[in-house]
Amino acid sequence: MEYNYLDIILAVVFVGFAIRGYLKGLILSLASLVGLIVGLYAAWHFSDFLAQELAPFLRLSEESLKIVSFILTFVLAMFIVYLIGILLEKVVKVAGLGFLNKLGGLFLGLIKGGLLISIIFYLFVLIGGPAWLNSSTLKGSFLYEPVSKLSSYVVSEMGELFNQKYQQPDTLPDKNNDQGIIL
């Protein structure tokens, strides 16, 4: 089977995420992801406390103070988790497990790339995609079918979250569908 533009784009995304994951390693990649989650949680739950503590020192409106404290709490929590990740990575290097850390980072990078592509495919289904992404492009793509299966799986697993806010299509378009993904 021949490769087309869609295959090239998908391959570049996967390779880019894999290389980035390999270079960062599993521990720092996980630390970034966990830091984002912990940062959002901490900012959501503790930024009001920080705003009260900063209020005597900053002359800002209440709304501005909330925004500043949310950002500071988020960044501080992410930074702390990332520092823990750096320490853990040093322990792993000393233990001689650096290659496994890099290999794990590569696989996590592939997973992140797959999730990003899944989200983009899902958005194309919701709002439409570029004109070149039609049924003939999908039919000629070697990578579309496995990626669309991953997208369908991700959408179905996260469906409960999205159904509460957005109208969700049940599946991605079949590559034999004449309409394809249309903008």
C-alpha atoms as a PDB file:
ATOM      1  CA  MET A   1       0.000   0.000   0.000  1.00  0.00           C
ATOM      2  CA  GLU A   2       1.226   3.479  -0.825  1.00  0.00           C
ATOM      3  CA  TYR A   3       1.583   6.249   1.678  1.00  0.00           C
ATOM      4  CA  ASN A   4      -0.144   9.601   1.214  1.00  0.00           C
ATOM      5  CA  TYR A   5       0.009  13.041   2.839  1.00  0.00           C
ATOM      6  CA  LEU A   6      -2.037  11.903   5.811  1.00  0.00           C
ATOM      7  CA  ASP A   7       0.405   9.052   6.475  1.00  0.00           C
ATOM      8  CA  ILE A   8       3.346  11.441   6.303  1.00  0.00           C
ATOM      9  CA  ILE A   9       1.695  13.876   8.723  1.00  0.00           C
ATOM     10  CA  LEU A  10       0.775  11.095  11.159  1.00  0.00           C
ATOM     11  CA  ALA A  11       4.260   9.569  10.950  1.00  0.00           C
ATOM     12  CA  VAL A  12       5.924  12.943  11.595  1.00  0.00           C
ATOM     13  CA  VAL A  13       3.732  13.490  14.674  1.00  0.00           C
ATOM     14  CA  PHE A  14       4.445  10.007  16.037  1.00  0.00           C
ATOM     15  CA  VAL A  15       8.190  10.228  15.360  1.00  0.00           C
ATOM     16  CA  GLY A  16       8.385  13.719  16.863  1.00  0.00           C
ATOM     17  CA  PHE A  17       6.622  12.659  20.044  1.00  0.00           C
ATOM     18  CA  ALA A  18       8.721   9.472  20.248  1.00  0.00           C
ATOM     19  CA  ILE A  19      11.994  11.401  19.917  1.00  0.00           C
ATOM     20  CA  ARG A  20      10.904  13.995  22.465  1.00  0.00           C
ATOM     21  CA  GLY A  21       9.834  11.226  24.850  1.00  0.00           C
ATOM     22  CA  TYR A  22      13.135   9.412  24.389  1.00  0.00           C
ATOM     23  CA  LEU A  23      15.142  12.570  25.036  1.00  0.00           C
ATOM     24  CA  LYS A  24      13.146  13.469  28.164  1.00  0.00           C
ATOM     25  CA  GLY A  25      12.888   9.922  29.463  1.00  0.00           C
ATOM     26  CA  LEU A  26       9.928   8.294  31.151  1.00  0.00           C
ATOM     27  CA  ILE A  27      10.419   9.920  34.531  1.00  0.00           C
ATOM     28  CA  LEU A  28      10.587  13.530  33.316  1.00  0.00           C
ATOM     29  CA  SER A  29       7.784  12.898  30.817  1.00  0.00           C
ATOM     30  CA  LEU A  30       5.596  11.550  33.609  1.00  0.00           C
ATOM     31  CA  ALA A  31       6.685  14.384  35.898  1.00  0.00           C
ATOM     32  CA  SER A  32       5.537  16.903  33.279  1.00  0.00           C
ATOM     33  CA  LEU A  33       2.184  15.183  32.906  1.00  0.00           C
ATOM     34  CA  VAL A  34       1.658  14.693  36.647  1.00  0.00           C
ATOM     35  CA  GLY A  35       2.865  18.253  37.266  1.00  0.00           C
ATOM     36  CA  LEU A  36       0.202  19.574  34.936  1.00  0.00           C
ATOM     37  CA  ILE A  37      -2.519  17.602  36.719  1.00  0.00           C
ATOM     38  CA  VAL A  38      -1.246  18.459  40.208  1.00  0.00           C
ATOM     39  CA  GLY A  39      -0.768  22.093  39.174  1.00  0.00           C
ATOM     40  CA  LEU A  40      -4.348  22.382  37.973  1.00  0.00           C
ATOM     41  CA  TYR A  41      -5.664  20.651  41.089  1.00  0.00           C
ATOM     42  CA  ALA A  42      -3.586  22.819  43.422  1.00  0.00           C
ATOM     43  CA  ALA A  43      -4.495  26.022  41.599  1.00  0.00           C
ATOM     44  CA  TRP A  44      -8.179  25.133  41.657  1.00  0.00           C
ATOM     45  CA  HIS A  45      -8.243  24.270  45.370  1.00  0.00           C
ATOM     46  CA  PHE A  46      -5.558  26.469  46.948  1.00  0.00           C
ATOM     47  CA  SER A  47      -5.288  29.664  44.899  1.00  0.00           C
ATOM     48  CA  ASP A  48      -7.921  31.408  47.051  1.00  0.00           C
ATOM     49  CA  PHE A  49      -5.712  30.866  50.099  1.00  0.00           C
ATOM     50  CA  LEU A  50      -2.719  32.328  48.260  1.00  0.00           C
ATOM     51  CA  ALA A  51      -4.836  35.287  47.108  1.00  0.00           C
ATOM     52  CA  GLN A  52      -5.704  36.070  50.749  1.00  0.00           C
ATOM     53  CA  GLU A  53      -2.031  35.882  51.712  1.00  0.00           C
ATOM     54  CA  LEU A  54      -0.921  38.100  48.814  1.00  0.00           C
ATOM     55  CA  ALA A  55      -3.687  40.705  49.170  1.00  0.00           C
ATOM     56  CA  PRO A  56      -1.860  42.857  51.769  1.00  0.00           C
ATOM     57  CA  PHE A  57       1.259  43.007  49.568  1.00  0.00           C
ATOM     58  CA  LEU A  58      -0.248  43.543  46.120  1.00  0.00           C
ATOM     59  CA  ARG A  59      -2.504  46.370  45.071  1.00  0.00           C
ATOM     60  CA  LEU A  60      -4.648  44.497  42.600  1.00  0.00           C
ATOM     61  CA  SER A  61      -8.345  44.182  42.055  1.00  0.00           C
ATOM     62  CA  GLU A  62      -9.949  41.094  43.534  1.00  0.00           C
ATOM     63  CA  GLU A  63     -10.322  39.514  40.085  1.00  0.00           C
ATOM     64  CA  SER A  64      -6.697  40.251  39.140  1.00  0.00           C
ATOM     65  CA  LEU A  65      -5.505  38.869  42.458  1.00  0.00           C
ATOM     66  CA  LYS A  66      -7.433  35.639  41.830  1.00  0.00           C
ATOM     67  CA  ILE A  67      -5.849  35.274  38.400  1.00  0.00           C
ATOM     68  CA  VAL A  68      -2.334  35.996  39.683  1.00  0.00           C
ATOM     69  CA  SER A  69      -2.706  33.582  42.601  1.00  0.00           C
ATOM     70  CA  PHE A  70      -4.127  30.866  40.301  1.00  0.00           C
ATOM     71  CA  ILE A  71      -1.152  31.200  37.947  1.00  0.00           C
ATOM     72  CA  LEU A  72       1.388  31.304  40.788  1.00  0.00           C
ATOM     73  CA  THR A  73      -0.123  28.258  42.504  1.00  0.00           C
ATOM     74  CA  PHE A  74      -0.221  26.356  39.211  1.00  0.00           C
ATOM     75  CA  VAL A  75       3.398  27.169  38.317  1.00  0.00           C
ATOM     76  CA  LEU A  76       4.680  26.457  41.836  1.00  0.00           C
ATOM     77  CA  ALA A  77       2.974  23.054  42.014  1.00  0.00           C
ATOM     78  CA  MET A  78       4.248  22.116  38.543  1.00  0.00           C
ATOM     79  CA  PHE A  79       7.756  23.214  39.478  1.00  0.00           C
ATOM     80  CA  ILE A  80       7.775  21.142  42.681  1.00  0.00           C
ATOM     81  CA  VAL A  81       6.604  18.010  40.854  1.00  0.00           C
ATOM     82  CA  TYR A  82       9.183  18.579  38.114  1.00  0.00           C
ATOM     83  CA  LEU A  83      11.964  18.938  40.721  1.00  0.00           C
ATOM     84  CA  ILE A  84      10.879  15.626  42.239  1.00  0.00           C
ATOM     85  CA  GLY A  85      11.052  14.144  38.738  1.00  0.00           C
ATOM     86  CA  ILE A  86      14.607  15.438  38.272  1.00  0.00           C
ATOM     87  CA  LEU A  87      15.654  13.874  41.579  1.00  0.00           C
ATOM     88  CA  LEU A  88      14.050  10.552  40.640  1.00  0.00           C
ATOM     89  CA  GLU A  89      15.751  10.635  37.251  1.00  0.00           C
ATOM     90  CA  LYS A  90      19.136  11.094  38.917  1.00  0.00           C
ATOM     91  CA  VAL A  91      18.434   8.070  41.131  1.00  0.00           C
ATOM     92  CA  VAL A  92      17.527   6.041  38.041  1.00  0.00           C
ATOM     93  CA  LYS A  93      20.753   7.091  36.291  1.00  0.00           C
ATOM     94  CA  VAL A  94      22.843   6.150  39.321  1.00  0.00           C
ATOM     95  CA  ALA A  95      21.071   2.773  39.440  1.00  0.00           C
ATOM     96  CA  GLY A  96      22.079   2.182  35.808  1.00  0.00           C
ATOM     97  CA  LEU A  97      18.530   2.206  34.472  1.00  0.00           C
ATOM     98  CA  GLY A  98      18.976   5.189  32.158  1.00  0.00           C
ATOM     99  CA  PHE A  99      18.276   3.209  28.981  1.00  0.00           C
ATOM    100  CA  LEU A 100      15.021   1.811  30.363  1.00  0.00           C
ATOM    101  CA  ASN A 101      14.031   5.345  31.366  1.00  0.00           C
ATOM    102  CA  LYS A 102      14.706   6.558  27.804  1.00  0.00           C
ATOM    103  CA  LEU A 103      12.863   3.586  26.271  1.00  0.00           C
ATOM    104  CA  GLY A 104       9.879   4.189  28.548  1.00  0.00           C
ATOM    105  CA  GLY A 105       9.940   7.847  27.516  1.00  0.00           C
ATOM    106  CA  LEU A 106       9.842   6.807  23.865  1.00  0.00           C
ATOM    107  CA  PHE A 107       6.741   4.662  24.432  1.00  0.00           C
ATOM    108  CA  LEU A 108       5.054   7.364  26.510  1.00  0.00           C
ATOM    109  CA  GLY A 109       5.840   9.818  23.708  1.00  0.00           C
ATOM    110  CA  LEU A 110       4.125   7.513  21.204  1.00  0.00           C
ATOM    111  CA  ILE A 111       1.086   7.319  23.489  1.00  0.00           C
ATOM    112  CA  LYS A 112       0.979  11.119  23.835  1.00  0.00           C
ATOM    113  CA  GLY A 113       1.235  11.483  20.055  1.00  0.00           C
ATOM    114  CA  GLY A 114      -1.595   8.990  19.604  1.00  0.00           C
ATOM    115  CA  LEU A 115      -3.748  10.866  22.090  1.00  0.00           C
ATOM    116  CA  LEU A 116      -3.076  14.185  20.361  1.00  0.00           C
ATOM    117  CA  ILE A 117      -3.967  12.725  16.965  1.00  0.00           C
ATOM    118  CA  SER A 118      -7.080  11.131  18.469  1.00  0.00           C
ATOM    119  CA  ILE A 119      -8.209  14.482  19.839  1.00  0.00           C
ATOM    120  CA  ILE A 120      -7.544  16.191  16.495  1.00  0.00           C
ATOM    121  CA  PHE A 121      -9.495  13.500  14.600  1.00  0.00           C
ATOM    122  CA  TYR A 122     -12.340  13.866  17.079  1.00  0.00           C
ATOM    123  CA  LEU A 123     -12.379  17.640  16.594  1.00  0.00           C
ATOM    124  CA  PHE A 124     -12.398  17.146  12.820  1.00  0.00           C
ATOM    125  CA  VAL A 125     -15.482  14.982  13.229  1.00  0.00           C
ATOM    126  CA  LEU A 126     -17.153  17.639  15.392  1.00  0.00           C
ATOM    127  CA  ILE A 127     -16.287  20.726  13.377  1.00  0.00           C
ATOM    128  CA  GLY A 128     -15.038  19.362  10.073  1.00  0.00           C
ATOM    129  CA  GLY A 129     -11.567  18.919   8.708  1.00  0.00           C
ATOM    130  CA  PRO A 130      -9.570  20.350   5.827  1.00  0.00           C
ATOM    131  CA  ALA A 131     -10.854  19.742   2.290  1.00  0.00           C
ATOM    132  CA  TRP A 132      -7.901  17.520   1.349  1.00  0.00           C
ATOM    133  CA  LEU A 133      -8.898  15.079   4.098  1.00  0.00           C
ATOM    134  CA  ASN A 134     -11.604  13.356   2.066  1.00  0.00           C
ATOM    135  CA  SER A 135     -12.610   9.729   1.516  1.00  0.00           C
ATOM    136  CA  SER A 136      -9.973   9.101  -1.165  1.00  0.00           C
ATOM    137  CA  THR A 137      -7.257  10.338   1.190  1.00  0.00           C
ATOM    138  CA  LEU A 138      -8.614   8.147   3.979  1.00  0.00           C
ATOM    139  CA  LYS A 139      -8.912   5.108   1.667  1.00  0.00           C
ATOM    140  CA  GLY A 140      -5.325   5.542   0.491  1.00  0.00           C
ATOM    141  CA  SER A 141      -3.927   5.955   3.987  1.00  0.00           C
ATOM    142  CA  PHE A 142      -2.043   3.097   5.571  1.00  0.00           C
ATOM    143  CA  LEU A 143      -2.167   4.619   9.065  1.00  0.00           C
ATOM    144  CA  TYR A 144      -5.725   5.994   9.142  1.00  0.00           C
ATOM    145  CA  GLU A 145      -7.462   2.774  10.150  1.00  0.00           C
ATOM    146  CA  PRO A 146      -5.330   1.973  13.244  1.00  0.00           C
ATOM    147  CA  VAL A 147      -5.332   5.633  14.309  1.00  0.00           C
ATOM    148  CA  SER A 148      -9.103   5.911  13.818  1.00  0.00           C
ATOM    149  CA  LYS A 149      -9.570   2.795  15.981  1.00  0.00           C
ATOM    150  CA  LEU A 150      -7.447   4.447  18.667  1.00  0.00           C
ATOM    151  CA  SER A 151      -9.474   7.651  18.282  1.00  0.00           C
ATOM    152  CA  SER A 152     -12.747   5.759  18.628  1.00  0.00           C
ATOM    153  CA  TYR A 153     -11.424   4.017  21.732  1.00  0.00           C
ATOM    154  CA  VAL A 154     -10.241   7.284  23.309  1.00  0.00           C
ATOM    155  CA  VAL A 155     -13.544   8.993  22.488  1.00  0.00           C
ATOM    156  CA  SER A 156     -15.587   6.123  23.923  1.00  0.00           C
ATOM    157  CA  GLU A 157     -13.487   6.003  27.105  1.00  0.00           C
ATOM    158  CA  MET A 158     -13.704   9.747  27.615  1.00  0.00           C
ATOM    159  CA  GLY A 159     -17.283   9.944  26.371  1.00  0.00           C
ATOM    160  CA  GLU A 160     -18.814  10.477  29.791  1.00  0.00           C
ATOM    161  CA  LEU A 161     -16.732  13.601  30.307  1.00  0.00           C
ATOM    162  CA  PHE A 162     -17.532  15.075  26.908  1.00  0.00           C
ATOM    163  CA  ASN A 163     -21.192  14.061  26.827  1.00  0.00           C
ATOM    164  CA  GLN A 164     -21.846  16.306  29.793  1.00  0.00           C
ATOM    165  CA  LYS A 165     -20.726  19.397  27.848  1.00  0.00           C
ATOM    166  CA  TYR A 166     -20.726  18.583  24.150  1.00  0.00           C
ATOM    167  CA  GLN A 167     -22.766  16.592  21.675  1.00  0.00           C
ATOM    168  CA  GLN A 168     -20.571  13.663  20.673  1.00  0.00           C
ATOM    169  CA  PRO A 169     -20.720  11.584  17.482  1.00  0.00           C
ATOM    170  CA  ASP A 170     -20.722   7.849  18.165  1.00  0.00           C
ATOM    171  CA  THR A 171     -17.826   6.983  15.862  1.00  0.00           C
ATOM    172  CA  LEU A 172     -15.330   8.462  13.480  1.00  0.00           C
ATOM    173  CA  PRO A 173     -16.160   8.314   9.774  1.00  0.00           C
ATOM    174  CA  ASP A 174     -15.419   5.096   7.955  1.00  0.00           C
ATOM    175  CA  LYS A 175     -12.661   5.500   5.387  1.00  0.00           C
ATOM    176  CA  ASN A 176     -15.071   4.093   2.777  1.00  0.00           C
ATOM    177  CA  ASN A 177     -17.566   6.891   3.462  1.00  0.00           C
ATOM    178  CA  ASP A 178     -17.710   9.225   0.469  1.00  0.00           C
ATOM    179  CA  GLN A 179     -17.965  12.321   2.656  1.00  0.00           C
ATOM    180  CA  GLY A 180     -14.803  11.703   4.680  1.00  0.00           C
ATOM    181  CA  ILE A 181     -13.894  14.502   7.040  1.00  0.00           C
ATOM    182  CA  ILE A 182     -15.158  17.754   5.572  1.00  0.00           C
ATOM    183  CA  LEU A 183     -14.466  21.318   6.664  1.00  0.00           C
END
